[in-house]
Amino acid sequence: EQACEGIDFEIYQSNHEGAIVDKIQSALGNVDGIVINPAAY
């Protein structure tokens, strides 16, 4: 949140691969950049 000062952002966490895929797909046309830590995936 501090690093994103002046930037619109959303933080999302999931333990489910399909939910992460859905979130990435929903970003199309809605975000300019993605930061991802896919962890074990």
PDB file of all heavy atoms in Angstrom:
ATOM      1  N   GLU A   1       0.831  -1.205   0.000  1.00  0.00           N
ATOM      2  CA  GLU A   1       0.000   0.000   0.000  1.00  0.00           C
ATOM      3  C   GLU A   1       0.867   1.258   0.000  1.00  0.00           C
ATOM      4  O   GLU A   1       0.613   2.195  -0.762  1.00  0.00           O
ATOM      5  CB  GLU A   1      -0.919  -0.014   1.211  1.00  0.00           C
ATOM      6  CG  GLU A   1      -1.893   1.138   1.263  1.00  0.00           C
ATOM      7  CD  GLU A   1      -2.857   1.040   2.422  1.00  0.00           C
ATOM      8  OE1 GLU A   1      -3.083  -0.056   2.959  1.00  0.00           O
ATOM      9  OE2 GLU A   1      -3.391   2.105   2.795  1.00  0.00           O
ATOM     10  N   GLN A   2       1.901   1.284   0.813  1.00  0.00           N
ATOM     11  CA  GLN A   2       2.809   2.443   0.844  1.00  0.00           C
ATOM     12  C   GLN A   2       3.531   2.611  -0.483  1.00  0.00           C
ATOM     13  O   GLN A   2       3.689   3.730  -0.984  1.00  0.00           O
ATOM     14  CB  GLN A   2       3.812   2.298   1.974  1.00  0.00           C
ATOM     15  CG  GLN A   2       3.198   2.457   3.346  1.00  0.00           C
ATOM     16  CD  GLN A   2       4.197   2.183   4.468  1.00  0.00           C
ATOM     17  OE1 GLN A   2       5.374   1.904   4.232  1.00  0.00           O
ATOM     18  NE2 GLN A   2       3.719   2.239   5.706  1.00  0.00           N
ATOM     19  N   ALA A   3       3.980   1.506  -1.066  1.00  0.00           N
ATOM     20  CA  ALA A   3       4.708   1.568  -2.335  1.00  0.00           C
ATOM     21  C   ALA A   3       3.820   2.024  -3.483  1.00  0.00           C
ATOM     22  O   ALA A   3       4.309   2.588  -4.463  1.00  0.00           O
ATOM     23  CB  ALA A   3       5.326   0.214  -2.654  1.00  0.00           C
ATOM     24  N   CYS A   4       2.519   1.802  -3.350  1.00  0.00           N
ATOM     25  CA  CYS A   4       1.570   2.149  -4.416  1.00  0.00           C
ATOM     26  C   CYS A   4       0.988   3.556  -4.253  1.00  0.00           C
ATOM     27  O   CYS A   4      -0.003   3.876  -4.905  1.00  0.00           O
ATOM     28  CB  CYS A   4       0.442   1.128  -4.464  1.00  0.00           C
ATOM     29  SG  CYS A   4       0.904  -0.442  -5.205  1.00  0.00           S
ATOM     30  N   GLU A   5       1.616   4.380  -3.429  1.00  0.00           N
ATOM     31  CA  GLU A   5       1.100   5.738  -3.253  1.00  0.00           C
ATOM     32  C   GLU A   5       0.945   6.415  -4.615  1.00  0.00           C
ATOM     33  O   GLU A   5       1.865   6.409  -5.434  1.00  0.00           O
ATOM     34  CB  GLU A   5       2.053   6.549  -2.377  1.00  0.00           C
ATOM     35  CG  GLU A   5       1.516   7.931  -2.077  1.00  0.00           C
ATOM     36  CD  GLU A   5       2.416   8.715  -1.144  1.00  0.00           C
ATOM     37  OE1 GLU A   5       3.331   8.132  -0.532  1.00  0.00           O
ATOM     38  OE2 GLU A   5       2.202   9.927  -1.032  1.00  0.00           O
ATOM     39  N   GLY A   6      -0.249   6.935  -4.871  1.00  0.00           N
ATOM     40  CA  GLY A   6      -0.533   7.585  -6.144  1.00  0.00           C
ATOM     41  C   GLY A   6      -0.939   6.641  -7.261  1.00  0.00           C
ATOM     42  O   GLY A   6      -1.186   7.072  -8.383  1.00  0.00           O
ATOM     43  N   ILE A   7      -1.004   5.359  -6.960  1.00  0.00           N
ATOM     44  CA  ILE A   7      -1.378   4.342  -7.942  1.00  0.00           C
ATOM     45  C   ILE A   7      -2.653   3.664  -7.458  1.00  0.00           C
ATOM     46  O   ILE A   7      -2.785   3.343  -6.279  1.00  0.00           O
ATOM     47  CB  ILE A   7      -0.275   3.272  -8.092  1.00  0.00           C
ATOM     48  CG1 ILE A   7       1.031   3.869  -8.598  1.00  0.00           C
ATOM     49  CG2 ILE A   7      -0.723   2.132  -9.011  1.00  0.00           C
ATOM     50  CD1 ILE A   7       2.199   2.887  -8.599  1.00  0.00           C
ATOM     51  N   ASP A   8      -3.583   3.425  -8.373  1.00  0.00           N
ATOM     52  CA  ASP A   8      -4.750   2.608  -8.061  1.00  0.00           C
ATOM     53  C   ASP A   8      -4.268   1.151  -8.064  1.00  0.00           C
ATOM     54  O   ASP A   8      -3.548   0.739  -8.974  1.00  0.00           O
ATOM     55  CB  ASP A   8      -5.819   2.845  -9.125  1.00  0.00           C
ATOM     56  CG  ASP A   8      -7.153   2.221  -8.785  1.00  0.00           C
ATOM     57  OD1 ASP A   8      -7.360   1.808  -7.621  1.00  0.00           O
ATOM     58  OD2 ASP A   8      -7.997   2.151  -9.692  1.00  0.00           O
ATOM     59  N   PHE A   9      -4.638   0.383  -7.047  1.00  0.00           N
ATOM     60  CA  PHE A   9      -4.134  -0.985  -6.961  1.00  0.00           C
ATOM     61  C   PHE A   9      -5.131  -1.881  -6.240  1.00  0.00           C
ATOM     62  O   PHE A   9      -6.004  -1.415  -5.512  1.00  0.00           O
ATOM     63  CB  PHE A   9      -2.782  -1.036  -6.235  1.00  0.00           C
ATOM     64  CG  PHE A   9      -2.878  -0.744  -4.763  1.00  0.00           C
ATOM     65  CD1 PHE A   9      -2.942  -1.773  -3.836  1.00  0.00           C
ATOM     66  CD2 PHE A   9      -2.928   0.559  -4.306  1.00  0.00           C
ATOM     67  CE1 PHE A   9      -3.046  -1.514  -2.481  1.00  0.00           C
ATOM     68  CE2 PHE A   9      -3.031   0.841  -2.956  1.00  0.00           C
ATOM     69  CZ  PHE A   9      -3.084  -0.189  -2.035  1.00  0.00           C
ATOM     70  N   GLU A  10      -4.960  -3.173  -6.466  1.00  0.00           N
ATOM     71  CA  GLU A  10      -5.723  -4.197  -5.755  1.00  0.00           C
ATOM     72  C   GLU A  10      -4.762  -5.297  -5.363  1.00  0.00           C
ATOM     73  O   GLU A  10      -3.928  -5.717  -6.166  1.00  0.00           O
ATOM     74  CB  GLU A  10      -6.824  -4.770  -6.644  1.00  0.00           C
ATOM     75  CG  GLU A  10      -7.617  -5.876  -5.981  1.00  0.00           C
ATOM     76  CD  GLU A  10      -8.650  -6.527  -6.889  1.00  0.00           C
ATOM     77  OE1 GLU A  10      -8.831  -6.070  -8.035  1.00  0.00           O
ATOM     78  OE2 GLU A  10      -9.248  -7.523  -6.449  1.00  0.00           O
ATOM     79  N   ILE A  11      -4.892  -5.778  -4.135  1.00  0.00           N
ATOM     80  CA  ILE A  11      -4.119  -6.926  -3.664  1.00  0.00           C
ATOM     81  C   ILE A  11      -5.061  -8.116  -3.589  1.00  0.00           C
ATOM     82  O   ILE A  11      -6.163  -8.004  -3.046  1.00  0.00           O
ATOM     83  CB  ILE A  11      -3.500  -6.662  -2.270  1.00  0.00           C
ATOM     84  CG1 ILE A  11      -2.604  -5.437  -2.297  1.00  0.00           C
ATOM     85  CG2 ILE A  11      -2.733  -7.900  -1.794  1.00  0.00           C
ATOM     86  CD1 ILE A  11      -2.144  -4.986  -0.926  1.00  0.00           C
ATOM     87  N   TYR A  12      -4.615  -9.226  -4.129  1.00  0.00           N
ATOM     88  CA  TYR A  12      -5.438 -10.437  -4.167  1.00  0.00           C
ATOM     89  C   TYR A  12      -4.582 -11.623  -3.744  1.00  0.00           C
ATOM     90  O   TYR A  12      -3.440 -11.765  -4.198  1.00  0.00           O
ATOM     91  CB  TYR A  12      -5.964 -10.656  -5.593  1.00  0.00           C
ATOM     92  CG  TYR A  12      -6.776 -11.898  -5.754  1.00  0.00           C
ATOM     93  CD1 TYR A  12      -8.100 -11.950  -5.337  1.00  0.00           C
ATOM     94  CD2 TYR A  12      -6.222 -13.036  -6.326  1.00  0.00           C
ATOM     95  CE1 TYR A  12      -8.855 -13.108  -5.479  1.00  0.00           C
ATOM     96  CE2 TYR A  12      -6.973 -14.198  -6.481  1.00  0.00           C
ATOM     97  CZ  TYR A  12      -8.283 -14.220  -6.050  1.00  0.00           C
ATOM     98  OH  TYR A  12      -9.028 -15.367  -6.194  1.00  0.00           O
ATOM     99  N   GLN A  13      -5.127 -12.470  -2.884  1.00  0.00           N
ATOM    100  CA  GLN A  13      -4.439 -13.692  -2.470  1.00  0.00           C
ATOM    101  C   GLN A  13      -5.398 -14.860  -2.564  1.00  0.00           C
ATOM    102  O   GLN A  13      -6.563 -14.762  -2.180  1.00  0.00           O
ATOM    103  CB  GLN A  13      -3.931 -13.569  -1.028  1.00  0.00           C
ATOM    104  CG  GLN A  13      -3.008 -14.696  -0.574  1.00  0.00           C
ATOM    105  CD  GLN A  13      -3.706 -15.953  -0.072  1.00  0.00           C
ATOM    106  OE1 GLN A  13      -4.783 -15.898   0.520  1.00  0.00           O
ATOM    107  NE2 GLN A  13      -3.101 -17.105  -0.329  1.00  0.00           N
ATOM    108  N   SER A  14      -4.912 -15.978  -3.110  1.00  0.00           N
ATOM    109  CA  SER A  14      -5.713 -17.193  -3.159  1.00  0.00           C
ATOM    110  C   SER A  14      -4.809 -18.408  -3.048  1.00  0.00           C
ATOM    111  O   SER A  14      -3.679 -18.406  -3.543  1.00  0.00           O
ATOM    112  CB  SER A  14      -6.524 -17.278  -4.449  1.00  0.00           C
ATOM    113  OG  SER A  14      -7.286 -18.482  -4.460  1.00  0.00           O
ATOM    114  N   ASN A  15      -5.360 -19.440  -2.439  1.00  0.00           N
ATOM    115  CA  ASN A  15      -4.687 -20.729  -2.368  1.00  0.00           C
ATOM    116  C   ASN A  15      -5.121 -21.648  -3.507  1.00  0.00           C
ATOM    117  O   ASN A  15      -4.707 -22.801  -3.549  1.00  0.00           O
ATOM    118  CB  ASN A  15      -4.985 -21.403  -1.023  1.00  0.00           C
ATOM    119  CG  ASN A  15      -4.403 -20.618   0.138  1.00  0.00           C
ATOM    120  OD1 ASN A  15      -3.292 -20.131   0.066  1.00  0.00           O
ATOM    121  ND2 ASN A  15      -5.164 -20.497   1.204  1.00  0.00           N
ATOM    122  N   HIS A  16      -5.929 -21.126  -4.433  1.00  0.00           N
ATOM    123  CA  HIS A  16      -6.548 -21.949  -5.474  1.00  0.00           C
ATOM    124  C   HIS A  16      -6.111 -21.490  -6.865  1.00  0.00           C
ATOM    125  O   HIS A  16      -6.323 -20.336  -7.250  1.00  0.00           O
ATOM    126  CB  HIS A  16      -8.069 -21.897  -5.351  1.00  0.00           C
ATOM    127  CG  HIS A  16      -8.537 -22.280  -3.979  1.00  0.00           C
ATOM    128  ND1 HIS A  16      -8.629 -23.587  -3.561  1.00  0.00           N
ATOM    129  CD2 HIS A  16      -8.890 -21.522  -2.917  1.00  0.00           C
ATOM    130  CE1 HIS A  16      -9.037 -23.630  -2.315  1.00  0.00           C
ATOM    131  NE2 HIS A  16      -9.199 -22.382  -1.886  1.00  0.00           N
ATOM    132  N   GLU A  17      -5.538 -22.402  -7.608  1.00  0.00           N
ATOM    133  CA  GLU A  17      -5.007 -22.092  -8.930  1.00  0.00           C
ATOM    134  C   GLU A  17      -6.072 -21.501  -9.854  1.00  0.00           C
ATOM    135  O   GLU A  17      -5.825 -20.480 -10.518  1.00  0.00           O
ATOM    136  CB  GLU A  17      -4.413 -23.361  -9.549  1.00  0.00           C
ATOM    137  CG  GLU A  17      -3.791 -23.159 -10.903  1.00  0.00           C
ATOM    138  CD  GLU A  17      -3.224 -24.455 -11.452  1.00  0.00           C
ATOM    139  OE1 GLU A  17      -3.749 -25.554 -11.140  1.00  0.00           O
ATOM    140  OE2 GLU A  17      -2.239 -24.376 -12.205  1.00  0.00           O
ATOM    141  N   GLY A  18      -7.237 -22.111  -9.914  1.00  0.00           N
ATOM    142  CA  GLY A  18      -8.293 -21.623 -10.802  1.00  0.00           C
ATOM    143  C   GLY A  18      -8.754 -20.223 -10.439  1.00  0.00           C
ATOM    144  O   GLY A  18      -9.062 -19.413 -11.320  1.00  0.00           O
ATOM    145  N   ALA A  19      -8.785 -19.914  -9.155  1.00  0.00           N
ATOM    146  CA  ALA A  19      -9.176 -18.572  -8.716  1.00  0.00           C
ATOM    147  C   ALA A  19      -8.146 -17.539  -9.178  1.00  0.00           C
ATOM    148  O   ALA A  19      -8.507 -16.421  -9.574  1.00  0.00           O
ATOM    149  CB  ALA A  19      -9.345 -18.538  -7.205  1.00  0.00           C
ATOM    150  N   ILE A  20      -6.871 -17.927  -9.145  1.00  0.00           N
ATOM    151  CA  ILE A  20      -5.822 -17.022  -9.629  1.00  0.00           C
ATOM    152  C   ILE A  20      -5.946 -16.825 -11.133  1.00  0.00           C
ATOM    153  O   ILE A  20      -5.843 -15.700 -11.636  1.00  0.00           O
ATOM    154  CB  ILE A  20      -4.426 -17.546  -9.225  1.00  0.00           C
ATOM    155  CG1 ILE A  20      -4.285 -17.493  -7.697  1.00  0.00           C
ATOM    156  CG2 ILE A  20      -3.315 -16.742  -9.910  1.00  0.00           C
ATOM    157  CD1 ILE A  20      -3.066 -18.213  -7.154  1.00  0.00           C
ATOM    158  N   VAL A  21      -6.217 -17.879 -11.869  1.00  0.00           N
ATOM    159  CA  VAL A  21      -6.441 -17.772 -13.317  1.00  0.00           C
ATOM    160  C   VAL A  21      -7.627 -16.858 -13.591  1.00  0.00           C
ATOM    161  O   VAL A  21      -7.557 -15.955 -14.448  1.00  0.00           O
ATOM    162  CB  VAL A  21      -6.647 -19.164 -13.950  1.00  0.00           C
ATOM    163  CG1 VAL A  21      -7.152 -19.049 -15.387  1.00  0.00           C
ATOM    164  CG2 VAL A  21      -5.355 -19.976 -13.895  1.00  0.00           C
ATOM    165  N   ASP A  22      -8.720 -17.038 -12.859  1.00  0.00           N
ATOM    166  CA  ASP A  22      -9.895 -16.177 -13.028  1.00  0.00           C
ATOM    167  C   ASP A  22      -9.554 -14.714 -12.766  1.00  0.00           C
ATOM    168  O   ASP A  22      -9.998 -13.814 -13.498  1.00  0.00           O
ATOM    169  CB  ASP A  22     -11.030 -16.604 -12.102  1.00  0.00           C
ATOM    170  CG  ASP A  22     -11.679 -17.916 -12.500  1.00  0.00           C
ATOM    171  OD1 ASP A  22     -11.496 -18.369 -13.658  1.00  0.00           O
ATOM    172  OD2 ASP A  22     -12.372 -18.502 -11.636  1.00  0.00           O
ATOM    173  N   LYS A  23      -8.768 -14.456 -11.732  1.00  0.00           N
ATOM    174  CA  LYS A  23      -8.398 -13.085 -11.386  1.00  0.00           C
ATOM    175  C   LYS A  23      -7.545 -12.466 -12.481  1.00  0.00           C
ATOM    176  O   LYS A  23      -7.743 -11.299 -12.847  1.00  0.00           O
ATOM    177  CB  LYS A  23      -7.661 -13.064 -10.040  1.00  0.00           C
ATOM    178  CG  LYS A  23      -7.501 -11.686  -9.489  1.00  0.00           C
ATOM    179  CD  LYS A  23      -8.865 -11.095  -9.177  1.00  0.00           C
ATOM    180  CE  LYS A  23      -8.767  -9.792  -8.449  1.00  0.00           C
ATOM    181  NZ  LYS A  23     -10.091  -9.210  -8.198  1.00  0.00           N
ATOM    182  N   ILE A  24      -6.606 -13.223 -13.014  1.00  0.00           N
ATOM    183  CA  ILE A  24      -5.778 -12.721 -14.116  1.00  0.00           C
ATOM    184  C   ILE A  24      -6.663 -12.403 -15.318  1.00  0.00           C
ATOM    185  O   ILE A  24      -6.543 -11.338 -15.929  1.00  0.00           O
ATOM    186  CB  ILE A  24      -4.681 -13.735 -14.488  1.00  0.00           C
ATOM    187  CG1 ILE A  24      -3.667 -13.862 -13.353  1.00  0.00           C
ATOM    188  CG2 ILE A  24      -3.991 -13.342 -15.790  1.00  0.00           C
ATOM    189  CD1 ILE A  24      -2.733 -15.053 -13.478  1.00  0.00           C
ATOM    190  N   GLN A  25      -7.569 -13.303 -15.658  1.00  0.00           N
ATOM    191  CA  GLN A  25      -8.451 -13.062 -16.797  1.00  0.00           C
ATOM    192  C   GLN A  25      -9.320 -11.823 -16.581  1.00  0.00           C
ATOM    193  O   GLN A  25      -9.558 -11.055 -17.516  1.00  0.00           O
ATOM    194  CB  GLN A  25      -9.323 -14.285 -17.060  1.00  0.00           C
ATOM    195  CG  GLN A  25      -8.550 -15.452 -17.609  1.00  0.00           C
ATOM    196  CD  GLN A  25      -9.421 -16.685 -17.825  1.00  0.00           C
ATOM    197  OE1 GLN A  25     -10.617 -16.689 -17.530  1.00  0.00           O
ATOM    198  NE2 GLN A  25      -8.812 -17.740 -18.331  1.00  0.00           N
ATOM    199  N   SER A  26      -9.780 -11.595 -15.357  1.00  0.00           N
ATOM    200  CA  SER A  26     -10.627 -10.437 -15.078  1.00  0.00           C
ATOM    201  C   SER A  26      -9.847  -9.127 -15.147  1.00  0.00           C
ATOM    202  O   SER A  26     -10.439  -8.048 -15.202  1.00  0.00           O
ATOM    203  CB  SER A  26     -11.305 -10.575 -13.713  1.00  0.00           C
ATOM    204  OG  SER A  26     -10.378 -10.353 -12.661  1.00  0.00           O
ATOM    205  N   ALA A  27      -8.515  -9.207 -15.158  1.00  0.00           N
ATOM    206  CA  ALA A  27      -7.686  -8.010 -15.243  1.00  0.00           C
ATOM    207  C   ALA A  27      -7.648  -7.425 -16.650  1.00  0.00           C
ATOM    208  O   ALA A  27      -7.315  -6.251 -16.834  1.00  0.00           O
ATOM    209  CB  ALA A  27      -6.264  -8.333 -14.780  1.00  0.00           C
ATOM    210  N   LEU A  28      -8.016  -8.217 -17.643  1.00  0.00           N
ATOM    211  CA  LEU A  28      -7.972  -7.759 -19.039  1.00  0.00           C
ATOM    212  C   LEU A  28      -8.812  -6.497 -19.210  1.00  0.00           C
ATOM    213  O   LEU A  28      -9.999  -6.477 -18.894  1.00  0.00           O
ATOM    214  CB  LEU A  28      -8.473  -8.863 -19.975  1.00  0.00           C
ATOM    215  CG  LEU A  28      -8.447  -8.544 -21.469  1.00  0.00           C
ATOM    216  CD1 LEU A  28      -7.019  -8.280 -21.938  1.00  0.00           C
ATOM    217  CD2 LEU A  28      -9.071  -9.677 -22.266  1.00  0.00           C
ATOM    218  N   GLY A  29      -8.176  -5.435 -19.658  1.00  0.00           N
ATOM    219  CA  GLY A  29      -8.855  -4.170 -19.871  1.00  0.00           C
ATOM    220  C   GLY A  29      -9.095  -3.366 -18.604  1.00  0.00           C
ATOM    221  O   GLY A  29      -9.652  -2.268 -18.663  1.00  0.00           O
ATOM    222  N   ASN A  30      -8.672  -3.905 -17.457  1.00  0.00           N
ATOM    223  CA  ASN A  30      -8.933  -3.236 -16.182  1.00  0.00           C
ATOM    224  C   ASN A  30      -7.679  -2.815 -15.430  1.00  0.00           C
ATOM    225  O   ASN A  30      -7.775  -2.010 -14.511  1.00  0.00           O
ATOM    226  CB  ASN A  30      -9.775  -4.150 -15.279  1.00  0.00           C
ATOM    227  CG  ASN A  30     -11.143  -4.387 -15.861  1.00  0.00           C
ATOM    228  OD1 ASN A  30     -11.824  -3.459 -16.253  1.00  0.00           O
ATOM    229  ND2 ASN A  30     -11.533  -5.647 -15.934  1.00  0.00           N
ATOM    230  N   VAL A  31      -6.527  -3.397 -15.749  1.00  0.00           N
ATOM    231  CA  VAL A  31      -5.287  -3.019 -15.076  1.00  0.00           C
ATOM    232  C   VAL A  31      -4.184  -2.817 -16.107  1.00  0.00           C
ATOM    233  O   VAL A  31      -4.243  -3.342 -17.219  1.00  0.00           O
ATOM    234  CB  VAL A  31      -4.833  -4.051 -14.005  1.00  0.00           C
ATOM    235  CG1 VAL A  31      -5.926  -4.286 -12.978  1.00  0.00           C
ATOM    236  CG2 VAL A  31      -4.368  -5.333 -14.609  1.00  0.00           C
ATOM    237  N   ASP A  32      -3.185  -2.054 -15.686  1.00  0.00           N
ATOM    238  CA  ASP A  32      -2.063  -1.745 -16.568  1.00  0.00           C
ATOM    239  C   ASP A  32      -0.860  -2.646 -16.324  1.00  0.00           C
ATOM    240  O   ASP A  32      -0.001  -2.773 -17.188  1.00  0.00           O
ATOM    241  CB  ASP A  32      -1.644  -0.287 -16.376  1.00  0.00           C
ATOM    242  CG  ASP A  32      -2.796   0.659 -16.643  1.00  0.00           C
ATOM    243  OD1 ASP A  32      -3.298   0.675 -17.779  1.00  0.00           O
ATOM    244  OD2 ASP A  32      -3.220   1.361 -15.696  1.00  0.00           O
ATOM    245  N   GLY A  33      -0.795  -3.219 -15.133  1.00  0.00           N
ATOM    246  CA  GLY A  33       0.338  -4.069 -14.796  1.00  0.00           C
ATOM    247  C   GLY A  33      -0.019  -5.047 -13.698  1.00  0.00           C
ATOM    248  O   GLY A  33      -0.938  -4.805 -12.907  1.00  0.00           O
ATOM    249  N   ILE A  34       0.706  -6.151 -13.667  1.00  0.00           N
ATOM    250  CA  ILE A  34       0.500  -7.201 -12.661  1.00  0.00           C
ATOM    251  C   ILE A  34       1.823  -7.477 -11.960  1.00  0.00           C
ATOM    252  O   ILE A  34       2.866  -7.614 -12.616  1.00  0.00           O
ATOM    253  CB  ILE A  34      -0.023  -8.503 -13.308  1.00  0.00           C
ATOM    254  CG1 ILE A  34      -1.411  -8.293 -13.910  1.00  0.00           C
ATOM    255  CG2 ILE A  34      -0.041  -9.654 -12.290  1.00  0.00           C
ATOM    256  CD1 ILE A  34      -1.932  -9.484 -14.718  1.00  0.00           C
ATOM    257  N   VAL A  35       1.754  -7.565 -10.640  1.00  0.00           N
ATOM    258  CA  VAL A  35       2.845  -8.093  -9.829  1.00  0.00           C
ATOM    259  C   VAL A  35       2.323  -9.408  -9.281  1.00  0.00           C
ATOM    260  O   VAL A  35       1.250  -9.451  -8.682  1.00  0.00           O
ATOM    261  CB  VAL A  35       3.213  -7.139  -8.667  1.00  0.00           C
ATOM    262  CG1 VAL A  35       4.249  -7.787  -7.754  1.00  0.00           C
ATOM    263  CG2 VAL A  35       3.705  -5.796  -9.199  1.00  0.00           C
ATOM    264  N   ILE A  36       3.051 -10.490  -9.522  1.00  0.00           N
ATOM    265  CA  ILE A  36       2.562 -11.798  -9.080  1.00  0.00           C
ATOM    266  C   ILE A  36       3.649 -12.588  -8.359  1.00  0.00           C
ATOM    267  O   ILE A  36       4.791 -12.667  -8.827  1.00  0.00           O
ATOM    268  CB  ILE A  36       1.995 -12.623 -10.262  1.00  0.00           C
ATOM    269  CG1 ILE A  36       1.380 -13.932  -9.755  1.00  0.00           C
ATOM    270  CG2 ILE A  36       3.026 -12.841 -11.339  1.00  0.00           C
ATOM    271  CD1 ILE A  36       0.543 -14.673 -10.788  1.00  0.00           C
ATOM    272  N   ASN A  37       3.269 -13.100  -7.206  1.00  0.00           N
ATOM    273  CA  ASN A  37       4.068 -14.112  -6.521  1.00  0.00           C
ATOM    274  C   ASN A  37       3.218 -15.375  -6.558  1.00  0.00           C
ATOM    275  O   ASN A  37       2.337 -15.559  -5.732  1.00  0.00           O
ATOM    276  CB  ASN A  37       4.377 -13.709  -5.080  1.00  0.00           C
ATOM    277  CG  ASN A  37       5.247 -14.732  -4.378  1.00  0.00           C
ATOM    278  OD1 ASN A  37       5.342 -15.875  -4.800  1.00  0.00           O
ATOM    279  ND2 ASN A  37       5.865 -14.331  -3.284  1.00  0.00           N
ATOM    280  N   PRO A  38       3.439 -16.224  -7.550  1.00  0.00           N
ATOM    281  CA  PRO A  38       2.604 -17.414  -7.685  1.00  0.00           C
ATOM    282  C   PRO A  38       2.898 -18.492  -6.650  1.00  0.00           C
ATOM    283  O   PRO A  38       2.231 -19.525  -6.619  1.00  0.00           O
ATOM    284  CB  PRO A  38       2.906 -17.904  -9.093  1.00  0.00           C
ATOM    285  CG  PRO A  38       4.149 -17.229  -9.518  1.00  0.00           C
ATOM    286  CD  PRO A  38       4.397 -16.068  -8.622  1.00  0.00           C
ATOM    287  N   ALA A  39       3.906 -18.262  -5.809  1.00  0.00           N
ATOM    288  CA  ALA A  39       4.269 -19.197  -4.744  1.00  0.00           C
ATOM    289  C   ALA A  39       4.485 -20.594  -5.344  1.00  0.00           C
ATOM    290  O   ALA A  39       5.148 -20.708  -6.368  1.00  0.00           O
ATOM    291  CB  ALA A  39       3.243 -19.174  -3.624  1.00  0.00           C
ATOM    292  N   ALA A  40       3.919 -21.621  -4.766  1.00  0.00           N
ATOM    293  CA  ALA A  40       4.152 -22.991  -5.238  1.00  0.00           C
ATOM    294  C   ALA A  40       3.727 -23.192  -6.692  1.00  0.00           C
ATOM    295  O   ALA A  40       4.301 -24.033  -7.389  1.00  0.00           O
ATOM    296  CB  ALA A  40       3.436 -23.990  -4.340  1.00  0.00           C
ATOM    297  N   TYR A  41       2.757 -22.402  -7.157  1.00  0.00           N
ATOM    298  CA  TYR A  41       2.320 -22.536  -8.552  1.00  0.00           C
ATOM    299  C   TYR A  41       3.367 -22.045  -9.543  1.00  0.00           C
ATOM    300  O   TYR A  41       3.261 -22.311 -10.740  1.00  0.00           O
ATOM    301  CB  TYR A  41       1.000 -21.810  -8.783  1.00  0.00           C
ATOM    302  CG  TYR A  41      -0.166 -22.442  -8.053  1.00  0.00           C
ATOM    303  CD1 TYR A  41      -1.053 -21.657  -7.331  1.00  0.00           C
ATOM    304  CD2 TYR A  41      -0.388 -23.812  -8.091  1.00  0.00           C
ATOM    305  CE1 TYR A  41      -2.130 -22.231  -6.660  1.00  0.00           C
ATOM    306  CE2 TYR A  41      -1.449 -24.392  -7.419  1.00  0.00           C
ATOM    307  CZ  TYR A  41      -2.315 -23.593  -6.710  1.00  0.00           C
ATOM    308  OH  TYR A  41      -3.377 -24.149  -6.046  1.00  0.00           O
TER     309      TYR A  41
END
